[in-house]
Amino acid sequence: MVSVCGAFIIAVLIWNMVIRPVYSGSAQLKETVATKQAQLANLQELASRITPASRGRPTARQGRNDSIVVVIDQTTRERSLAQYLKRNQPEGNSGVRLRFVGSPFDLLVEWLGDLNQAYGMVTVSASFDEAGPGRVNCSIELKRLGF
């Protein structure tokens, strides 16, 4: 009877200290892998939206001679940001001050990146205020490099 109880206790200890942790660790790893795969799919989808070649955006040479106001107008219309642009004030030949109200933050940031890559424009200053979930009010000053 003592040996049967001893064998039972040893079996329970082996189960609790070795086998069960391996199974629960395996389940956690499967869950982690599934989460990471979902994140990877999301990042790949976002990367395809950001990559210039995926949208047929202009190369860095195109539009360099266009007026900065014309470039802002065209690109905000292409990105569906024109409705949020409330002020477009030129600053000399190479700069512009913009005011967006209620703009989607993600679209605005992508648009700023495109202006930098395709048209050589840099953000000199920017001020953002939250205008709701995923939306901002902002004032931005842009300058074109090379002028």
N, C-alpha and C. Protein backbone atom coordinates (compact mmCIF):
# COMPACT_ATOMS: atom_id res chain seq x y z
N MET A 1 0.82 -1.18 0.00
CA MET A 1 0.00 0.00 0.00
C MET A 1 0.88 1.25 0.00
N VAL A 2 1.94 1.25 0.80
CA VAL A 2 2.86 2.39 0.86
C VAL A 2 3.55 2.57 -0.49
N SER A 3 3.95 1.50 -1.11
CA SER A 3 4.63 1.61 -2.41
C SER A 3 3.67 2.11 -3.49
N VAL A 4 2.41 1.71 -3.46
CA VAL A 4 1.42 2.19 -4.44
C VAL A 4 1.19 3.69 -4.22
N CYS A 5 1.06 4.12 -2.95
CA CYS A 5 0.89 5.55 -2.66
C CYS A 5 2.13 6.33 -3.08
N GLY A 6 3.30 5.79 -2.84
CA GLY A 6 4.56 6.44 -3.24
C GLY A 6 4.64 6.59 -4.75
N ALA A 7 4.23 5.53 -5.48
CA ALA A 7 4.24 5.60 -6.94
C ALA A 7 3.24 6.64 -7.42
N PHE A 8 2.08 6.72 -6.78
CA PHE A 8 1.07 7.70 -7.16
C PHE A 8 1.58 9.12 -6.93
N ILE A 9 2.21 9.36 -5.80
CA ILE A 9 2.75 10.69 -5.48
C ILE A 9 3.84 11.07 -6.48
N ILE A 10 4.71 10.13 -6.83
CA ILE A 10 5.77 10.39 -7.82
C ILE A 10 5.14 10.71 -9.18
N ALA A 11 4.12 9.98 -9.57
CA ALA A 11 3.44 10.24 -10.85
C ALA A 11 2.81 11.63 -10.85
N VAL A 12 2.16 12.01 -9.74
CA VAL A 12 1.54 13.33 -9.65
C VAL A 12 2.61 14.42 -9.71
N LEU A 13 3.71 14.24 -9.01
CA LEU A 13 4.79 15.23 -9.04
C LEU A 13 5.39 15.37 -10.44
N ILE A 14 5.60 14.26 -11.11
CA ILE A 14 6.13 14.30 -12.49
C ILE A 14 5.15 15.03 -13.40
N TRP A 15 3.86 14.73 -13.24
CA TRP A 15 2.84 15.40 -14.06
C TRP A 15 2.84 16.92 -13.80
N ASN A 16 2.83 17.32 -12.53
CA ASN A 16 2.74 18.74 -12.18
C ASN A 16 4.02 19.52 -12.45
N MET A 17 5.17 18.88 -12.32
CA MET A 17 6.44 19.60 -12.46
C MET A 17 7.07 19.49 -13.84
N VAL A 18 6.68 18.52 -14.64
CA VAL A 18 7.34 18.33 -15.93
C VAL A 18 6.35 18.39 -17.10
N ILE A 19 5.37 17.54 -17.09
CA ILE A 19 4.50 17.38 -18.26
C ILE A 19 3.55 18.56 -18.42
N ARG A 20 2.85 18.97 -17.38
CA ARG A 20 1.88 20.07 -17.49
C ARG A 20 2.54 21.38 -17.89
N PRO A 21 3.69 21.78 -17.32
CA PRO A 21 4.34 23.02 -17.78
C PRO A 21 4.72 22.99 -19.26
N VAL A 22 5.11 21.82 -19.76
CA VAL A 22 5.46 21.71 -21.18
C VAL A 22 4.22 21.94 -22.04
N TYR A 23 3.09 21.33 -21.67
CA TYR A 23 1.85 21.53 -22.43
C TYR A 23 1.37 22.97 -22.37
N SER A 24 1.39 23.59 -21.19
CA SER A 24 0.91 24.97 -21.08
C SER A 24 1.87 25.92 -21.80
N GLY A 25 3.16 25.66 -21.74
CA GLY A 25 4.13 26.48 -22.47
C GLY A 25 3.93 26.37 -23.97
N SER A 26 3.63 25.18 -24.42
CA SER A 26 3.37 24.96 -25.84
C SER A 26 2.13 25.73 -26.29
N ALA A 27 1.09 25.72 -25.47
CA ALA A 27 -0.13 26.45 -25.82
C ALA A 27 0.12 27.95 -25.85
N GLN A 28 0.90 28.45 -24.92
CA GLN A 28 1.23 29.88 -24.91
C GLN A 28 2.05 30.25 -26.14
N LEU A 29 2.99 29.40 -26.52
CA LEU A 29 3.79 29.67 -27.71
C LEU A 29 2.94 29.67 -28.98
N LYS A 30 1.99 28.76 -29.07
CA LYS A 30 1.09 28.75 -30.23
C LYS A 30 0.29 30.04 -30.29
N GLU A 31 -0.19 30.49 -29.15
CA GLU A 31 -0.95 31.74 -29.10
C GLU A 31 -0.06 32.93 -29.49
N THR A 32 1.17 32.94 -29.01
CA THR A 32 2.11 34.00 -29.36
C THR A 32 2.42 34.01 -30.85
N VAL A 33 2.62 32.84 -31.42
CA VAL A 33 2.88 32.74 -32.86
C VAL A 33 1.69 33.27 -33.66
N ALA A 34 0.49 32.92 -33.26
CA ALA A 34 -0.70 33.40 -33.96
C ALA A 34 -0.80 34.93 -33.87
N THR A 35 -0.50 35.48 -32.71
CA THR A 35 -0.53 36.93 -32.53
C THR A 35 0.52 37.61 -33.41
N LYS A 36 1.72 37.06 -33.41
CA LYS A 36 2.80 37.63 -34.22
C LYS A 36 2.49 37.52 -35.72
N GLN A 37 1.86 36.45 -36.14
CA GLN A 37 1.49 36.32 -37.55
C GLN A 37 0.45 37.36 -37.94
N ALA A 38 -0.48 37.63 -37.05
CA ALA A 38 -1.49 38.66 -37.31
C ALA A 38 -0.84 40.04 -37.39
N GLN A 39 0.11 40.30 -36.50
CA GLN A 39 0.83 41.57 -36.53
C GLN A 39 1.65 41.71 -37.82
N LEU A 40 2.29 40.63 -38.24
CA LEU A 40 3.06 40.65 -39.47
C LEU A 40 2.17 40.94 -40.67
N ALA A 41 1.02 40.31 -40.72
CA ALA A 41 0.09 40.56 -41.84
C ALA A 41 -0.35 42.02 -41.84
N ASN A 42 -0.61 42.57 -40.67
CA ASN A 42 -1.01 43.97 -40.57
C ASN A 42 0.11 44.90 -41.02
N LEU A 43 1.34 44.62 -40.59
CA LEU A 43 2.48 45.44 -40.99
C LEU A 43 2.75 45.34 -42.49
N GLN A 44 2.60 44.16 -43.06
CA GLN A 44 2.80 44.01 -44.50
C GLN A 44 1.76 44.81 -45.27
N GLU A 45 0.53 44.82 -44.79
CA GLU A 45 -0.52 45.61 -45.44
C GLU A 45 -0.20 47.09 -45.35
N LEU A 46 0.27 47.55 -44.18
CA LEU A 46 0.64 48.95 -44.02
C LEU A 46 1.84 49.30 -44.89
N ALA A 47 2.82 48.41 -44.96
CA ALA A 47 4.00 48.66 -45.79
C ALA A 47 3.62 48.79 -47.26
N SER A 48 2.68 48.01 -47.71
CA SER A 48 2.27 48.11 -49.11
C SER A 48 1.59 49.44 -49.38
N ARG A 49 0.94 50.02 -48.37
CA ARG A 49 0.31 51.33 -48.54
C ARG A 49 1.34 52.44 -48.53
N ILE A 50 2.44 52.25 -47.83
CA ILE A 50 3.45 53.29 -47.69
C ILE A 50 4.46 53.28 -48.83
N THR A 51 4.77 52.12 -49.38
CA THR A 51 5.76 52.00 -50.43
C THR A 51 5.37 52.85 -51.63
N PRO A 52 6.26 53.75 -52.07
CA PRO A 52 5.92 54.63 -53.20
C PRO A 52 5.55 53.88 -54.46
N ALA A 53 6.21 52.78 -54.76
CA ALA A 53 5.93 52.04 -55.99
C ALA A 53 4.53 51.45 -55.99
N SER A 54 3.98 51.17 -54.82
CA SER A 54 2.67 50.53 -54.76
C SER A 54 1.54 51.46 -55.16
N ARG A 55 1.77 52.76 -55.13
CA ARG A 55 0.72 53.71 -55.48
C ARG A 55 1.01 54.47 -56.76
N GLY A 56 2.13 54.19 -57.37
CA GLY A 56 2.48 54.91 -58.57
C GLY A 56 2.71 56.39 -58.29
N ARG A 57 3.29 56.70 -57.15
CA ARG A 57 3.55 58.08 -56.78
C ARG A 57 4.67 58.64 -57.65
N PRO A 58 4.73 59.95 -57.74
CA PRO A 58 5.77 60.53 -58.57
C PRO A 58 7.15 60.26 -58.00
N THR A 59 8.13 60.18 -58.89
CA THR A 59 9.50 60.01 -58.44
C THR A 59 10.00 61.34 -57.92
N ALA A 60 11.17 61.35 -57.33
CA ALA A 60 11.70 62.56 -56.72
C ALA A 60 11.93 63.66 -57.75
N ARG A 61 12.09 63.35 -59.02
CA ARG A 61 12.34 64.36 -60.04
C ARG A 61 11.05 65.00 -60.55
N GLN A 62 9.95 64.27 -60.52
CA GLN A 62 8.71 64.81 -61.03
C GLN A 62 8.16 65.85 -60.07
N GLY A 63 7.62 66.92 -60.61
CA GLY A 63 6.97 67.92 -59.79
C GLY A 63 7.91 68.87 -59.09
N ARG A 64 9.23 68.74 -59.30
CA ARG A 64 10.20 69.61 -58.63
C ARG A 64 10.04 71.07 -59.06
N ASN A 65 9.61 71.30 -60.30
CA ASN A 65 9.48 72.66 -60.80
C ASN A 65 8.09 73.23 -60.61
N ASP A 66 7.15 72.43 -60.13
CA ASP A 66 5.80 72.92 -59.89
C ASP A 66 5.80 73.85 -58.68
N SER A 67 4.86 74.77 -58.67
CA SER A 67 4.69 75.65 -57.52
C SER A 67 4.36 74.81 -56.30
N ILE A 68 4.87 75.23 -55.15
CA ILE A 68 4.64 74.48 -53.92
C ILE A 68 3.14 74.43 -53.60
N VAL A 69 2.42 75.50 -53.91
CA VAL A 69 0.97 75.54 -53.67
C VAL A 69 0.26 74.53 -54.56
N VAL A 70 0.71 74.41 -55.81
CA VAL A 70 0.12 73.44 -56.75
C VAL A 70 0.38 72.02 -56.27
N VAL A 71 1.59 71.75 -55.81
CA VAL A 71 1.94 70.42 -55.31
C VAL A 71 1.07 70.07 -54.10
N ILE A 72 0.91 71.02 -53.17
CA ILE A 72 0.08 70.78 -51.99
C ILE A 72 -1.36 70.49 -52.41
N ASP A 73 -1.89 71.29 -53.33
CA ASP A 73 -3.26 71.11 -53.79
C ASP A 73 -3.45 69.73 -54.44
N GLN A 74 -2.55 69.37 -55.35
CA GLN A 74 -2.67 68.07 -56.04
C GLN A 74 -2.55 66.90 -55.08
N THR A 75 -1.57 66.96 -54.22
CA THR A 75 -1.32 65.81 -53.34
C THR A 75 -2.39 65.66 -52.26
N THR A 76 -2.92 66.78 -51.77
CA THR A 76 -3.99 66.65 -50.77
C THR A 76 -5.26 66.10 -51.41
N ARG A 77 -5.51 66.45 -52.65
CA ARG A 77 -6.67 65.89 -53.35
C ARG A 77 -6.49 64.40 -53.60
N GLU A 78 -5.28 63.99 -54.01
CA GLU A 78 -5.00 62.57 -54.25
C GLU A 78 -5.18 61.74 -52.98
N ARG A 79 -4.82 62.30 -51.85
CA ARG A 79 -4.87 61.60 -50.56
C ARG A 79 -6.16 61.82 -49.80
N SER A 80 -7.13 62.49 -50.39
CA SER A 80 -8.41 62.81 -49.73
C SER A 80 -8.21 63.64 -48.47
N LEU A 81 -7.22 64.51 -48.50
CA LEU A 81 -6.97 65.41 -47.37
C LEU A 81 -7.44 66.83 -47.64
N ALA A 82 -7.84 67.13 -48.89
CA ALA A 82 -8.21 68.49 -49.26
C ALA A 82 -9.36 69.02 -48.42
N GLN A 83 -10.29 68.16 -48.06
CA GLN A 83 -11.44 68.61 -47.27
C GLN A 83 -11.04 69.06 -45.87
N TYR A 84 -9.89 68.63 -45.39
CA TYR A 84 -9.43 68.98 -44.05
C TYR A 84 -8.49 70.19 -44.07
N LEU A 85 -7.98 70.55 -45.25
CA LEU A 85 -7.06 71.67 -45.39
C LEU A 85 -7.85 72.98 -45.34
N LYS A 86 -7.63 73.75 -44.30
CA LYS A 86 -8.39 74.99 -44.12
C LYS A 86 -7.58 76.22 -44.47
N ARG A 87 -6.26 76.12 -44.46
CA ARG A 87 -5.42 77.26 -44.81
C ARG A 87 -4.18 76.77 -45.54
N ASN A 88 -3.83 77.48 -46.62
CA ASN A 88 -2.67 77.16 -47.44
C ASN A 88 -2.02 78.50 -47.76
N GLN A 89 -1.06 78.91 -46.93
CA GLN A 89 -0.47 80.23 -47.04
C GLN A 89 0.99 80.12 -47.48
N PRO A 90 1.32 80.58 -48.71
CA PRO A 90 2.70 80.52 -49.18
C PRO A 90 3.62 81.39 -48.32
N GLU A 91 4.85 80.94 -48.16
CA GLU A 91 5.89 81.67 -47.43
C GLU A 91 7.09 81.81 -48.37
N GLY A 92 7.11 82.84 -49.16
CA GLY A 92 8.19 83.02 -50.13
C GLY A 92 8.05 82.02 -51.27
N ASN A 93 9.17 81.70 -51.93
CA ASN A 93 9.16 80.77 -53.06
C ASN A 93 9.23 79.31 -52.65
N SER A 94 9.75 79.05 -51.45
CA SER A 94 10.03 77.65 -51.11
C SER A 94 9.30 77.15 -49.87
N GLY A 95 8.38 77.92 -49.33
CA GLY A 95 7.72 77.49 -48.10
C GLY A 95 6.22 77.69 -48.14
N VAL A 96 5.56 77.04 -47.21
CA VAL A 96 4.10 77.16 -47.11
C VAL A 96 3.69 76.82 -45.67
N ARG A 97 2.66 77.51 -45.20
CA ARG A 97 2.07 77.21 -43.90
C ARG A 97 0.69 76.61 -44.17
N LEU A 98 0.40 75.51 -43.50
CA LEU A 98 -0.86 74.80 -43.71
C LEU A 98 -1.59 74.64 -42.38
N ARG A 99 -2.91 74.61 -42.46
CA ARG A 99 -3.74 74.33 -41.28
C ARG A 99 -4.75 73.26 -41.65
N PHE A 100 -4.70 72.12 -40.96
CA PHE A 100 -5.64 71.03 -41.16
C PHE A 100 -6.54 70.94 -39.93
N VAL A 101 -7.82 70.68 -40.15
CA VAL A 101 -8.78 70.55 -39.06
C VAL A 101 -9.50 69.21 -39.19
N GLY A 102 -9.40 68.39 -38.14
CA GLY A 102 -10.09 67.09 -38.11
C GLY A 102 -9.52 66.07 -39.07
N SER A 103 -8.27 66.20 -39.42
CA SER A 103 -7.64 65.32 -40.41
C SER A 103 -7.29 63.96 -39.80
N PRO A 104 -7.44 62.86 -40.57
CA PRO A 104 -6.97 61.55 -40.09
C PRO A 104 -5.45 61.57 -39.94
N PHE A 105 -4.97 61.26 -38.77
CA PHE A 105 -3.54 61.35 -38.47
C PHE A 105 -2.70 60.46 -39.39
N ASP A 106 -3.12 59.22 -39.60
CA ASP A 106 -2.34 58.29 -40.42
C ASP A 106 -2.17 58.79 -41.84
N LEU A 107 -3.25 59.28 -42.44
CA LEU A 107 -3.17 59.81 -43.81
C LEU A 107 -2.24 61.02 -43.87
N LEU A 108 -2.31 61.87 -42.86
CA LEU A 108 -1.50 63.07 -42.83
C LEU A 108 -0.01 62.73 -42.75
N VAL A 109 0.34 61.77 -41.92
CA VAL A 109 1.74 61.39 -41.77
C VAL A 109 2.26 60.73 -43.06
N GLU A 110 1.46 59.87 -43.68
CA GLU A 110 1.85 59.27 -44.95
C GLU A 110 2.06 60.35 -46.01
N TRP A 111 1.17 61.32 -46.05
CA TRP A 111 1.26 62.41 -47.02
C TRP A 111 2.53 63.22 -46.81
N LEU A 112 2.88 63.52 -45.56
CA LEU A 112 4.10 64.26 -45.27
C LEU A 112 5.34 63.47 -45.72
N GLY A 113 5.32 62.16 -45.51
CA GLY A 113 6.43 61.33 -45.98
C GLY A 113 6.55 61.35 -47.49
N ASP A 114 5.42 61.30 -48.18
CA ASP A 114 5.44 61.36 -49.64
C ASP A 114 5.97 62.69 -50.14
N LEU A 115 5.57 63.78 -49.50
CA LEU A 115 6.08 65.10 -49.91
C LEU A 115 7.59 65.15 -49.77
N ASN A 116 8.11 64.55 -48.73
CA ASN A 116 9.55 64.54 -48.52
C ASN A 116 10.25 63.72 -49.59
N GLN A 117 9.75 62.52 -49.85
CA GLN A 117 10.40 61.63 -50.81
C GLN A 117 10.25 62.11 -52.25
N ALA A 118 9.06 62.49 -52.62
CA ALA A 118 8.78 62.78 -54.02
C ALA A 118 9.11 64.22 -54.42
N TYR A 119 8.97 65.16 -53.49
CA TYR A 119 9.10 66.57 -53.85
C TYR A 119 10.19 67.29 -53.06
N GLY A 120 10.89 66.59 -52.18
CA GLY A 120 11.98 67.20 -51.43
C GLY A 120 11.52 68.22 -50.41
N MET A 121 10.31 68.08 -49.90
CA MET A 121 9.80 69.02 -48.90
C MET A 121 10.05 68.46 -47.50
N VAL A 122 10.45 69.35 -46.60
CA VAL A 122 10.68 68.96 -45.21
C VAL A 122 9.75 69.74 -44.30
N THR A 123 9.42 69.13 -43.20
CA THR A 123 8.57 69.78 -42.19
C THR A 123 9.47 70.62 -41.31
N VAL A 124 9.28 71.93 -41.34
CA VAL A 124 10.07 72.85 -40.52
C VAL A 124 9.51 72.88 -39.11
N SER A 125 8.19 72.97 -39.01
CA SER A 125 7.55 72.94 -37.70
C SER A 125 6.16 72.35 -37.86
N ALA A 126 5.68 71.77 -36.78
CA ALA A 126 4.35 71.17 -36.78
C ALA A 126 3.80 71.20 -35.36
N SER A 127 2.51 71.45 -35.27
CA SER A 127 1.82 71.46 -33.99
C SER A 127 0.54 70.65 -34.16
N PHE A 128 0.37 69.63 -33.32
CA PHE A 128 -0.78 68.73 -33.42
C PHE A 128 -1.62 68.79 -32.15
N ASP A 129 -2.93 68.81 -32.34
CA ASP A 129 -3.89 68.71 -31.23
C ASP A 129 -4.88 67.62 -31.57
N GLU A 130 -5.25 66.83 -30.58
CA GLU A 130 -6.21 65.76 -30.81
C GLU A 130 -7.59 66.35 -31.13
N ALA A 131 -8.22 65.77 -32.16
CA ALA A 131 -9.55 66.24 -32.57
C ALA A 131 -10.55 65.10 -32.55
N GLY A 132 -10.24 64.03 -31.87
CA GLY A 132 -11.09 62.85 -31.83
C GLY A 132 -10.25 61.62 -32.07
N PRO A 133 -10.85 60.46 -32.00
CA PRO A 133 -10.09 59.22 -32.19
C PRO A 133 -9.46 59.15 -33.59
N GLY A 134 -8.13 59.15 -33.63
CA GLY A 134 -7.41 59.03 -34.89
C GLY A 134 -7.39 60.29 -35.72
N ARG A 135 -7.87 61.40 -35.18
CA ARG A 135 -7.95 62.66 -35.94
C ARG A 135 -7.22 63.76 -35.19
N VAL A 136 -6.66 64.70 -35.97
CA VAL A 136 -5.91 65.80 -35.38
C VAL A 136 -6.24 67.12 -36.05
N ASN A 137 -6.05 68.19 -35.31
CA ASN A 137 -5.99 69.54 -35.84
C ASN A 137 -4.50 69.87 -35.83
N CYS A 138 -3.99 70.44 -36.92
CA CYS A 138 -2.56 70.72 -36.92
C CYS A 138 -2.22 71.92 -37.79
N SER A 139 -1.12 72.54 -37.42
CA SER A 139 -0.50 73.61 -38.19
C SER A 139 0.87 73.08 -38.60
N ILE A 140 1.19 73.19 -39.89
CA ILE A 140 2.43 72.64 -40.41
C ILE A 140 3.11 73.70 -41.26
N GLU A 141 4.41 73.82 -41.12
CA GLU A 141 5.19 74.67 -42.01
C GLU A 141 6.14 73.76 -42.79
N LEU A 142 6.04 73.85 -44.12
CA LEU A 142 6.86 73.02 -45.00
C LEU A 142 7.78 73.92 -45.82
N LYS A 143 8.96 73.41 -46.12
CA LYS A 143 9.90 74.09 -47.01
C LYS A 143 10.42 73.07 -48.01
N ARG A 144 10.67 73.53 -49.21
CA ARG A 144 11.23 72.68 -50.25
C ARG A 144 12.74 72.82 -50.21
N LEU A 145 13.45 71.70 -50.15
CA LEU A 145 14.91 71.70 -50.14
C LEU A 145 15.42 72.06 -51.53
N GLY A 146 16.57 72.68 -51.57
CA GLY A 146 17.20 72.98 -52.85
C GLY A 146 16.75 74.29 -53.46
N PHE A 147 15.97 75.10 -52.73
CA PHE A 147 15.57 76.40 -53.25
C PHE A 147 16.16 77.50 -52.41
